[in-house]
């Protein structure tokens, strides 16, 4: 879907297309695959390329970034999916956990000691298991999942770690990013 270069040199479109095809015939004759993209949208075209050239299964064709953040500092601008975990009990109000983060096992264990955390994560894992293959099939190559709490130190970090680990176990390249973990 491009304008043939020869039209810029004054040739009419049908003549320019014919001349371009003739010029490219030696390349076409050497091709191992010929893909007619006329009836394909971008995601179907990408899917055909993946199928033809063995670029991996759909779950290997999408990379996931799981980002924890604090709502106090704003929602990440690149987020595709945003989940709010401020409804979970807050370790900030537990004196021995206040100055730790979700990277510390004590905070992680505290956050996951509540049934609502386990239920939320279970439902979120089900949703992501459903969505990720559909995003990959549609041609999305990167997905940013943002998990937010108030300050981005405790609950969001713990849940983001859990989600990244779950997606990695499913075979997706998943990476953690804790945007606000060092902010005051």
N, C-alpha and C. Protein backbone atom coordinates (compact mmCIF):
# COMPACT_ATOMS: atom_id res chain seq x y z
N UNK A 1 0.84 -1.17 0.00
CA UNK A 1 0.00 0.00 0.00
C UNK A 1 0.89 1.24 0.00
N UNK A 2 1.48 1.43 -1.12
CA UNK A 2 2.34 2.59 -1.26
C UNK A 2 2.13 3.19 -2.64
N UNK A 3 2.57 4.39 -2.79
CA UNK A 3 2.52 5.02 -4.10
C UNK A 3 3.74 4.56 -4.89
N UNK A 4 3.54 3.95 -6.04
CA UNK A 4 4.70 3.51 -6.82
C UNK A 4 5.61 4.71 -7.14
N UNK A 5 6.91 4.56 -6.95
CA UNK A 5 7.84 5.67 -7.17
C UNK A 5 7.76 6.25 -8.58
N UNK A 6 7.42 5.42 -9.54
CA UNK A 6 7.39 5.91 -10.92
C UNK A 6 6.26 6.91 -11.18
N UNK A 7 5.25 6.94 -10.30
CA UNK A 7 4.19 7.94 -10.48
C UNK A 7 4.75 9.34 -10.24
N UNK A 8 5.79 9.44 -9.40
CA UNK A 8 6.43 10.74 -9.14
C UNK A 8 7.26 11.20 -10.35
N UNK A 9 7.51 10.27 -11.25
CA UNK A 9 8.27 10.61 -12.46
C UNK A 9 7.34 10.85 -13.65
N UNK A 10 6.04 10.95 -13.37
CA UNK A 10 5.09 11.31 -14.41
C UNK A 10 4.33 10.16 -15.05
N UNK A 11 4.60 8.92 -14.65
CA UNK A 11 3.88 7.78 -15.23
C UNK A 11 2.49 7.67 -14.59
N UNK A 12 1.52 7.25 -15.37
CA UNK A 12 0.18 7.00 -14.85
C UNK A 12 0.24 5.77 -13.94
N UNK A 13 -0.67 5.71 -12.96
CA UNK A 13 -0.65 4.64 -11.95
C UNK A 13 -0.61 3.25 -12.56
N UNK A 14 -1.49 2.88 -13.52
CA UNK A 14 -1.44 1.51 -14.07
C UNK A 14 -0.09 1.20 -14.73
N UNK A 15 0.46 2.17 -15.44
CA UNK A 15 1.74 1.95 -16.10
C UNK A 15 2.87 1.84 -15.06
N UNK A 16 2.82 2.68 -14.01
CA UNK A 16 3.84 2.65 -12.95
C UNK A 16 3.83 1.31 -12.23
N UNK A 17 2.64 0.77 -11.93
CA UNK A 17 2.52 -0.52 -11.25
C UNK A 17 3.09 -1.63 -12.13
N UNK A 18 2.75 -1.59 -13.43
CA UNK A 18 3.25 -2.60 -14.37
C UNK A 18 4.78 -2.57 -14.45
N UNK A 19 5.35 -1.39 -14.53
CA UNK A 19 6.80 -1.26 -14.63
C UNK A 19 7.48 -1.70 -13.33
N UNK A 20 6.87 -1.39 -12.18
CA UNK A 20 7.45 -1.81 -10.89
C UNK A 20 7.43 -3.32 -10.77
N UNK A 21 6.34 -3.95 -11.18
CA UNK A 21 6.26 -5.42 -11.13
C UNK A 21 7.34 -6.06 -12.02
N UNK A 22 7.54 -5.49 -13.17
CA UNK A 22 8.57 -6.02 -14.07
C UNK A 22 9.96 -5.87 -13.45
N UNK A 23 10.21 -4.73 -12.84
CA UNK A 23 11.52 -4.48 -12.22
C UNK A 23 11.77 -5.41 -11.03
N UNK A 24 10.70 -5.77 -10.31
CA UNK A 24 10.84 -6.61 -9.12
C UNK A 24 10.70 -8.11 -9.40
N UNK A 25 10.43 -8.47 -10.66
CA UNK A 25 10.23 -9.88 -11.01
C UNK A 25 11.42 -10.76 -10.61
N UNK A 26 12.68 -10.34 -10.81
CA UNK A 26 13.80 -11.19 -10.38
C UNK A 26 13.80 -11.45 -8.86
N UNK A 27 13.40 -10.47 -8.10
CA UNK A 27 13.32 -10.64 -6.64
C UNK A 27 12.21 -11.62 -6.30
N UNK A 28 11.06 -11.46 -6.94
CA UNK A 28 9.92 -12.36 -6.70
C UNK A 28 10.29 -13.81 -7.04
N UNK A 29 11.03 -14.00 -8.12
CA UNK A 29 11.41 -15.35 -8.54
C UNK A 29 12.34 -16.03 -7.54
N UNK A 30 13.08 -15.25 -6.77
CA UNK A 30 14.01 -15.80 -5.77
C UNK A 30 13.35 -15.99 -4.41
N UNK A 31 12.15 -15.46 -4.23
CA UNK A 31 11.50 -15.49 -2.92
C UNK A 31 11.11 -16.91 -2.52
N UNK A 32 11.30 -17.23 -1.24
CA UNK A 32 10.87 -18.53 -0.73
C UNK A 32 9.40 -18.49 -0.30
N UNK A 33 8.91 -17.30 0.02
CA UNK A 33 7.52 -17.11 0.41
C UNK A 33 6.98 -15.85 -0.26
N UNK A 34 5.75 -15.93 -0.70
CA UNK A 34 5.07 -14.76 -1.25
C UNK A 34 3.77 -14.60 -0.48
N UNK A 35 3.60 -13.44 0.11
CA UNK A 35 2.43 -13.18 0.96
C UNK A 35 1.62 -12.05 0.34
N UNK A 36 0.40 -12.36 -0.07
CA UNK A 36 -0.50 -11.34 -0.60
C UNK A 36 -1.20 -10.70 0.59
N UNK A 37 -0.90 -9.44 0.85
CA UNK A 37 -1.45 -8.75 2.02
C UNK A 37 -2.70 -7.95 1.69
N UNK A 38 -3.23 -8.08 0.48
CA UNK A 38 -4.36 -7.26 0.04
C UNK A 38 -5.55 -7.32 1.00
N UNK A 39 -5.92 -8.50 1.45
CA UNK A 39 -7.10 -8.61 2.29
C UNK A 39 -6.81 -8.74 3.78
N UNK A 40 -5.59 -8.40 4.18
CA UNK A 40 -5.20 -8.59 5.58
C UNK A 40 -5.09 -7.26 6.31
N UNK A 41 -5.67 -7.22 7.54
CA UNK A 41 -5.40 -6.05 8.37
C UNK A 41 -4.03 -6.26 9.03
N UNK A 42 -3.56 -5.27 9.77
CA UNK A 42 -2.21 -5.32 10.33
C UNK A 42 -2.00 -6.53 11.24
N UNK A 43 -2.97 -6.84 12.09
CA UNK A 43 -2.78 -7.96 13.02
C UNK A 43 -2.76 -9.30 12.30
N UNK A 44 -3.59 -9.45 11.26
CA UNK A 44 -3.59 -10.71 10.50
C UNK A 44 -2.29 -10.84 9.70
N UNK A 45 -1.80 -9.72 9.16
CA UNK A 45 -0.53 -9.73 8.44
C UNK A 45 0.60 -10.13 9.37
N UNK A 46 0.63 -9.55 10.57
CA UNK A 46 1.65 -9.90 11.56
C UNK A 46 1.56 -11.38 11.93
N UNK A 47 0.33 -11.88 12.11
CA UNK A 47 0.13 -13.29 12.42
C UNK A 47 0.67 -14.20 11.34
N UNK A 48 0.47 -13.82 10.08
CA UNK A 48 0.99 -14.62 8.97
C UNK A 48 2.52 -14.62 8.96
N UNK A 49 3.12 -13.46 9.24
CA UNK A 49 4.58 -13.40 9.32
C UNK A 49 5.11 -14.30 10.43
N UNK A 50 4.44 -14.26 11.58
CA UNK A 50 4.85 -15.12 12.70
C UNK A 50 4.72 -16.59 12.32
N UNK A 51 3.63 -16.94 11.64
CA UNK A 51 3.42 -18.32 11.23
C UNK A 51 4.47 -18.76 10.21
N UNK A 52 4.72 -17.94 9.23
CA UNK A 52 5.66 -18.29 8.16
C UNK A 52 7.11 -18.39 8.62
N UNK A 53 7.50 -17.47 9.48
CA UNK A 53 8.92 -17.38 9.81
C UNK A 53 9.24 -17.87 11.21
N UNK A 54 8.31 -18.59 11.85
CA UNK A 54 8.59 -19.26 13.12
C UNK A 54 9.10 -18.35 14.21
N UNK A 55 8.47 -17.19 14.37
CA UNK A 55 8.93 -16.25 15.38
C UNK A 55 8.35 -16.59 16.75
N UNK A 56 7.90 -17.79 16.92
CA UNK A 56 7.42 -18.22 18.23
C UNK A 56 5.92 -18.30 18.30
N UNK A 57 5.48 -18.94 19.37
CA UNK A 57 4.05 -19.05 19.63
C UNK A 57 3.51 -17.68 20.01
N UNK A 58 2.18 -17.46 19.92
CA UNK A 58 1.62 -16.16 20.26
C UNK A 58 2.03 -15.67 21.64
N UNK A 59 2.14 -16.58 22.63
CA UNK A 59 2.49 -16.13 23.97
C UNK A 59 3.94 -15.67 24.05
N UNK A 60 4.76 -16.03 23.04
CA UNK A 60 6.14 -15.55 23.00
C UNK A 60 6.25 -14.27 22.20
N UNK A 61 5.17 -13.88 21.53
CA UNK A 61 5.23 -12.72 20.66
C UNK A 61 4.76 -11.45 21.37
N UNK A 62 4.41 -11.55 22.64
CA UNK A 62 4.00 -10.38 23.41
C UNK A 62 4.86 -10.32 24.67
N UNK A 63 5.38 -9.15 24.95
CA UNK A 63 6.17 -8.93 26.14
C UNK A 63 5.34 -8.11 27.11
N UNK A 64 5.38 -8.50 28.39
CA UNK A 64 4.55 -7.83 29.39
C UNK A 64 5.44 -7.13 30.42
N UNK A 65 5.13 -5.87 30.65
CA UNK A 65 5.78 -5.13 31.72
C UNK A 65 4.75 -4.93 32.82
N UNK A 66 5.07 -5.41 34.01
CA UNK A 66 4.17 -5.25 35.16
C UNK A 66 4.78 -4.16 36.04
N UNK A 67 4.10 -3.04 36.12
CA UNK A 67 4.61 -1.86 36.81
C UNK A 67 3.80 -1.58 38.06
N UNK A 68 4.49 -1.44 39.20
CA UNK A 68 3.81 -0.96 40.40
C UNK A 68 3.99 0.55 40.44
N UNK A 69 3.01 1.24 41.02
CA UNK A 69 3.10 2.70 41.10
C UNK A 69 2.26 3.19 42.26
N UNK A 70 2.47 4.45 42.62
CA UNK A 70 1.66 5.10 43.64
C UNK A 70 0.72 6.10 42.99
N UNK A 71 -0.55 6.02 43.34
CA UNK A 71 -1.52 6.97 42.80
C UNK A 71 -1.15 8.40 43.18
N UNK A 72 -0.44 8.59 44.30
CA UNK A 72 0.01 9.92 44.70
C UNK A 72 0.88 10.57 43.62
N UNK A 73 1.51 9.76 42.76
CA UNK A 73 2.44 10.26 41.75
C UNK A 73 1.87 10.14 40.33
N UNK A 74 0.62 9.75 40.22
CA UNK A 74 -0.04 9.66 38.92
C UNK A 74 0.05 8.28 38.30
N UNK A 75 -0.90 8.00 37.43
CA UNK A 75 -0.96 6.72 36.72
C UNK A 75 0.11 6.73 35.62
N UNK A 76 0.84 5.63 35.44
CA UNK A 76 1.84 5.57 34.36
C UNK A 76 1.19 5.85 33.01
N UNK A 77 1.78 6.74 32.27
CA UNK A 77 1.20 7.18 31.01
C UNK A 77 1.16 6.07 29.95
N UNK A 78 2.06 5.09 30.07
CA UNK A 78 2.12 4.03 29.06
C UNK A 78 1.29 2.80 29.44
N UNK A 79 0.52 2.89 30.53
CA UNK A 79 -0.24 1.73 31.00
C UNK A 79 -1.37 1.36 30.04
N UNK A 80 -1.47 0.05 29.75
CA UNK A 80 -2.58 -0.48 28.96
C UNK A 80 -3.71 -0.92 29.87
N UNK A 81 -3.36 -1.54 30.99
CA UNK A 81 -4.33 -2.00 31.98
C UNK A 81 -3.91 -1.45 33.34
N UNK A 82 -4.84 -0.89 34.09
CA UNK A 82 -4.54 -0.32 35.40
C UNK A 82 -5.43 -0.98 36.45
N UNK A 83 -4.78 -1.46 37.51
CA UNK A 83 -5.51 -2.10 38.61
C UNK A 83 -5.18 -1.37 39.91
N UNK A 84 -6.23 -1.06 40.66
CA UNK A 84 -6.12 -0.31 41.91
C UNK A 84 -6.21 -1.29 43.08
N UNK A 85 -5.16 -1.36 43.90
CA UNK A 85 -5.17 -2.28 45.05
C UNK A 85 -5.25 -1.53 46.38
N UNK A 86 -5.74 -0.29 46.36
CA UNK A 86 -5.86 0.49 47.60
C UNK A 86 -6.93 -0.07 48.54
N UNK A 87 -7.71 -1.01 48.08
CA UNK A 87 -8.72 -1.63 48.95
C UNK A 87 -8.10 -2.68 49.88
N UNK A 88 -6.87 -3.08 49.62
CA UNK A 88 -6.20 -4.09 50.45
C UNK A 88 -5.67 -3.45 51.74
N UNK A 89 -5.59 -4.23 52.82
CA UNK A 89 -5.01 -3.70 54.07
C UNK A 89 -3.60 -3.14 53.81
N UNK A 90 -3.32 -1.99 54.43
CA UNK A 90 -2.10 -1.24 54.13
C UNK A 90 -0.99 -1.49 55.16
N UNK A 91 0.14 -2.08 54.75
CA UNK A 91 1.27 -2.31 55.66
C UNK A 91 1.89 -1.02 56.18
N UNK A 92 1.60 0.10 55.54
CA UNK A 92 2.13 1.39 55.98
C UNK A 92 1.75 1.67 57.44
N UNK A 93 0.59 1.16 57.86
CA UNK A 93 0.10 1.42 59.21
C UNK A 93 0.56 0.40 60.24
N UNK A 94 1.42 -0.51 59.81
CA UNK A 94 2.03 -1.48 60.73
C UNK A 94 3.45 -0.98 60.99
N UNK A 95 3.74 -0.52 62.22
CA UNK A 95 5.03 0.15 62.49
C UNK A 95 6.26 -0.61 61.99
N UNK A 96 6.32 -1.91 62.18
CA UNK A 96 7.51 -2.66 61.76
C UNK A 96 7.59 -2.87 60.23
N UNK A 97 6.51 -2.55 59.51
CA UNK A 97 6.51 -2.70 58.05
C UNK A 97 6.55 -1.36 57.30
N UNK A 98 6.27 -0.29 58.01
CA UNK A 98 6.12 1.03 57.39
C UNK A 98 7.30 1.41 56.50
N UNK A 99 8.52 1.15 56.93
CA UNK A 99 9.70 1.57 56.19
C UNK A 99 10.28 0.48 55.30
N UNK A 100 9.53 -0.59 55.11
CA UNK A 100 9.94 -1.66 54.19
C UNK A 100 9.12 -1.53 52.92
N UNK A 101 9.36 -2.41 51.96
CA UNK A 101 8.60 -2.38 50.70
C UNK A 101 8.07 -3.78 50.38
N UNK A 102 7.31 -3.85 49.33
CA UNK A 102 6.79 -5.13 48.86
C UNK A 102 7.86 -6.08 48.35
N UNK A 103 9.09 -5.60 48.26
CA UNK A 103 10.21 -6.47 47.90
C UNK A 103 10.68 -7.27 49.12
N UNK A 104 10.31 -6.82 50.31
CA UNK A 104 10.66 -7.52 51.55
C UNK A 104 9.62 -8.60 51.83
N UNK A 105 10.09 -9.78 52.21
CA UNK A 105 9.18 -10.90 52.43
C UNK A 105 8.15 -10.62 53.51
N UNK A 106 8.52 -9.84 54.52
CA UNK A 106 7.56 -9.55 55.60
C UNK A 106 6.36 -8.77 55.06
N UNK A 107 6.60 -7.81 54.19
CA UNK A 107 5.52 -7.01 53.61
C UNK A 107 4.70 -7.87 52.65
N UNK A 108 5.39 -8.61 51.79
CA UNK A 108 4.72 -9.48 50.83
C UNK A 108 3.81 -10.46 51.57
N UNK A 109 4.34 -11.10 52.60
CA UNK A 109 3.55 -12.08 53.36
C UNK A 109 2.37 -11.41 54.06
N UNK A 110 2.56 -10.20 54.56
CA UNK A 110 1.47 -9.47 55.21
C UNK A 110 0.35 -9.21 54.20
N UNK A 111 0.72 -8.67 53.03
CA UNK A 111 -0.28 -8.35 52.00
C UNK A 111 -1.04 -9.60 51.58
N UNK A 112 -0.32 -10.72 51.46
CA UNK A 112 -0.97 -11.96 51.00
C UNK A 112 -1.57 -12.79 52.14
N UNK A 113 -1.55 -12.25 53.36
CA UNK A 113 -2.16 -12.97 54.47
C UNK A 113 -3.67 -12.74 54.53
N UNK A 114 -4.19 -11.87 53.71
CA UNK A 114 -5.61 -11.53 53.73
C UNK A 114 -6.36 -12.23 52.60
N UNK A 115 -7.55 -12.75 52.91
CA UNK A 115 -8.30 -13.49 51.88
C UNK A 115 -8.67 -12.62 50.68
N UNK A 116 -8.91 -11.32 50.90
CA UNK A 116 -9.28 -10.48 49.76
C UNK A 116 -8.13 -10.33 48.76
N UNK A 117 -6.89 -10.39 49.25
CA UNK A 117 -5.74 -10.33 48.34
C UNK A 117 -5.71 -11.59 47.49
N UNK A 118 -5.87 -12.72 48.14
CA UNK A 118 -5.82 -13.99 47.40
C UNK A 118 -6.94 -14.07 46.38
N UNK A 119 -8.14 -13.64 46.76
CA UNK A 119 -9.28 -13.68 45.84
C UNK A 119 -9.06 -12.72 44.67
N UNK A 120 -8.58 -11.51 44.97
CA UNK A 120 -8.32 -10.53 43.91
C UNK A 120 -7.30 -11.06 42.92
N UNK A 121 -6.19 -11.57 43.42
CA UNK A 121 -5.12 -12.06 42.54
C UNK A 121 -5.61 -13.25 41.71
N UNK A 122 -6.39 -14.12 42.33
CA UNK A 122 -6.94 -15.26 41.58
C UNK A 122 -7.81 -14.79 40.42
N UNK A 123 -8.67 -13.81 40.68
CA UNK A 123 -9.54 -13.28 39.63
C UNK A 123 -8.73 -12.52 38.57
N UNK A 124 -7.72 -11.78 39.01
CA UNK A 124 -6.87 -11.05 38.08
C UNK A 124 -6.08 -12.01 37.18
N UNK A 125 -5.57 -13.08 37.76
CA UNK A 125 -4.86 -14.09 36.96
C UNK A 125 -5.79 -14.70 35.91
N UNK A 126 -7.04 -14.96 36.29
CA UNK A 126 -8.01 -15.48 35.32
C UNK A 126 -8.26 -14.50 34.19
N UNK A 127 -8.40 -13.23 34.54
CA UNK A 127 -8.62 -12.20 33.53
C UNK A 127 -7.42 -12.10 32.59
N UNK A 128 -6.22 -12.08 33.15
CA UNK A 128 -5.02 -11.97 32.32
C UNK A 128 -4.81 -13.21 31.46
N UNK A 129 -5.13 -14.38 31.97
CA UNK A 129 -5.04 -15.62 31.18
C UNK A 129 -5.97 -15.57 29.98
N UNK A 130 -7.09 -14.90 30.16
CA UNK A 130 -8.05 -14.73 29.07
C UNK A 130 -7.58 -13.66 28.08
N UNK A 131 -7.09 -12.52 28.60
CA UNK A 131 -6.77 -11.37 27.76
C UNK A 131 -5.48 -11.51 26.95
N UNK A 132 -4.42 -12.02 27.57
CA UNK A 132 -3.12 -11.99 26.90
C UNK A 132 -3.09 -12.72 25.56
N UNK A 133 -3.67 -13.90 25.44
CA UNK A 133 -3.68 -14.54 24.11
C UNK A 133 -4.45 -13.71 23.08
N UNK A 134 -5.49 -13.01 23.53
CA UNK A 134 -6.26 -12.19 22.61
C UNK A 134 -5.47 -10.97 22.15
N UNK A 135 -4.74 -10.35 23.09
CA UNK A 135 -3.87 -9.23 22.71
C UNK A 135 -2.80 -9.70 21.73
N UNK A 136 -2.19 -10.84 22.01
CA UNK A 136 -1.14 -11.38 21.12
C UNK A 136 -1.72 -11.69 19.74
N UNK A 137 -2.90 -12.30 19.71
CA UNK A 137 -3.55 -12.64 18.44
C UNK A 137 -3.88 -11.39 17.64
N UNK A 138 -4.20 -10.32 18.33
CA UNK A 138 -4.54 -9.05 17.67
C UNK A 138 -3.30 -8.31 17.18
N UNK A 139 -2.12 -8.80 17.57
CA UNK A 139 -0.88 -8.22 17.07
C UNK A 139 -0.17 -7.29 18.03
N UNK A 140 -0.66 -7.19 19.26
CA UNK A 140 0.00 -6.33 20.25
C UNK A 140 1.31 -7.00 20.66
N UNK A 141 2.41 -6.26 20.59
CA UNK A 141 3.71 -6.86 20.91
C UNK A 141 4.17 -6.55 22.32
N UNK A 142 3.66 -5.48 22.93
CA UNK A 142 3.99 -5.16 24.32
C UNK A 142 2.72 -4.77 25.04
N UNK A 143 2.67 -5.13 26.31
CA UNK A 143 1.52 -4.80 27.15
C UNK A 143 2.06 -4.33 28.49
N UNK A 144 1.56 -3.18 28.95
CA UNK A 144 1.97 -2.65 30.24
C UNK A 144 0.80 -2.77 31.21
N UNK A 145 1.02 -3.56 32.26
CA UNK A 145 0.02 -3.74 33.31
C UNK A 145 0.50 -2.93 34.50
N UNK A 146 -0.31 -1.98 34.94
CA UNK A 146 0.05 -1.12 36.06
C UNK A 146 -0.80 -1.46 37.27
N UNK A 147 -0.14 -1.65 38.41
CA UNK A 147 -0.82 -1.98 39.66
C UNK A 147 -0.50 -0.85 40.63
N UNK A 148 -1.54 -0.17 41.11
CA UNK A 148 -1.30 1.00 41.96
C UNK A 148 -1.88 0.90 43.35
N UNK A 149 -1.15 1.47 44.29
CA UNK A 149 -1.65 1.70 45.64
C UNK A 149 -1.37 3.17 45.96
N UNK A 150 -1.47 3.57 47.20
CA UNK A 150 -1.34 4.98 47.53
C UNK A 150 0.04 5.53 47.22
N UNK A 151 1.09 4.92 47.79
CA UNK A 151 2.43 5.45 47.62
C UNK A 151 3.32 4.66 46.70
N UNK A 152 2.91 3.44 46.34
CA UNK A 152 3.71 2.61 45.45
C UNK A 152 4.86 1.89 46.12
N UNK A 153 4.73 1.64 47.44
CA UNK A 153 5.81 0.98 48.19
C UNK A 153 5.46 -0.45 48.61
N UNK A 154 4.22 -0.67 49.00
CA UNK A 154 3.87 -1.93 49.68
C UNK A 154 2.96 -2.83 48.85
N UNK A 155 1.67 -2.48 48.83
CA UNK A 155 0.66 -3.36 48.23
C UNK A 155 0.86 -3.54 46.73
N UNK A 156 1.06 -2.44 46.01
CA UNK A 156 1.21 -2.54 44.55
C UNK A 156 2.47 -3.33 44.18
N UNK A 157 3.53 -3.14 44.93
CA UNK A 157 4.78 -3.87 44.66
C UNK A 157 4.56 -5.36 44.87
N UNK A 158 3.91 -5.72 45.97
CA UNK A 158 3.67 -7.13 46.27
C UNK A 158 2.81 -7.79 45.20
N UNK A 159 1.73 -7.13 44.81
CA UNK A 159 0.82 -7.71 43.81
C UNK A 159 1.49 -7.75 42.44
N UNK A 160 2.23 -6.71 42.07
CA UNK A 160 2.93 -6.70 40.79
C UNK A 160 3.93 -7.85 40.71
N UNK A 161 4.65 -8.08 41.79
CA UNK A 161 5.61 -9.20 41.83
C UNK A 161 4.90 -10.52 41.58
N UNK A 162 3.78 -10.70 42.24
CA UNK A 162 3.01 -11.93 42.11
C UNK A 162 2.51 -12.12 40.67
N UNK A 163 1.99 -11.06 40.08
CA UNK A 163 1.46 -11.13 38.71
C UNK A 163 2.58 -11.41 37.71
N UNK A 164 3.71 -10.74 37.87
CA UNK A 164 4.84 -10.98 36.95
C UNK A 164 5.30 -12.44 37.05
N UNK A 165 5.36 -12.96 38.24
CA UNK A 165 5.77 -14.34 38.45
C UNK A 165 4.76 -15.30 37.80
N UNK A 166 3.49 -15.02 37.96
CA UNK A 166 2.43 -15.84 37.36
C UNK A 166 2.55 -15.85 35.83
N UNK A 167 2.74 -14.67 35.23
CA UNK A 167 2.82 -14.58 33.77
C UNK A 167 4.07 -15.28 33.24
N UNK A 168 5.17 -15.16 33.98
CA UNK A 168 6.39 -15.86 33.59
C UNK A 168 6.17 -17.37 33.61
N UNK A 169 5.47 -17.86 34.64
CA UNK A 169 5.17 -19.30 34.74
C UNK A 169 4.29 -19.76 33.57
N UNK A 170 3.46 -18.85 33.03
CA UNK A 170 2.63 -19.19 31.87
C UNK A 170 3.41 -19.18 30.57
N UNK A 171 4.64 -18.66 30.61
CA UNK A 171 5.47 -18.64 29.41
C UNK A 171 5.59 -17.29 28.74
N UNK A 172 5.01 -16.26 29.33
CA UNK A 172 5.13 -14.92 28.77
C UNK A 172 6.40 -14.25 29.28
N UNK A 173 7.11 -13.54 28.42
CA UNK A 173 8.23 -12.73 28.92
C UNK A 173 7.63 -11.57 29.73
N UNK A 174 7.75 -11.63 31.04
CA UNK A 174 7.16 -10.61 31.92
C UNK A 174 8.25 -9.99 32.77
N UNK A 175 8.23 -8.67 32.84
CA UNK A 175 9.26 -7.94 33.57
C UNK A 175 8.62 -7.02 34.59
N UNK A 176 9.25 -6.93 35.74
CA UNK A 176 8.76 -6.06 36.81
C UNK A 176 9.42 -4.70 36.73
N UNK A 177 8.64 -3.69 37.06
CA UNK A 177 9.16 -2.33 37.19
C UNK A 177 8.42 -1.70 38.36
N UNK A 178 9.15 -1.20 39.35
CA UNK A 178 8.54 -0.60 40.53
C UNK A 178 8.85 0.89 40.52
N UNK A 179 8.02 1.63 39.79
CA UNK A 179 8.28 3.02 39.48
C UNK A 179 8.50 3.91 40.70
N UNK A 180 7.67 3.77 41.72
CA UNK A 180 7.69 4.73 42.83
C UNK A 180 8.24 4.16 44.13
N UNK A 181 8.87 2.99 44.07
CA UNK A 181 9.30 2.31 45.28
C UNK A 181 10.31 3.14 46.11
N UNK A 182 11.05 4.02 45.46
CA UNK A 182 12.05 4.82 46.18
C UNK A 182 11.59 6.25 46.47
N UNK A 183 10.40 6.58 46.02
CA UNK A 183 9.88 7.94 46.26
C UNK A 183 9.39 8.07 47.69
N UNK A 184 9.50 9.28 48.21
CA UNK A 184 9.10 9.58 49.60
C UNK A 184 7.64 9.49 49.81
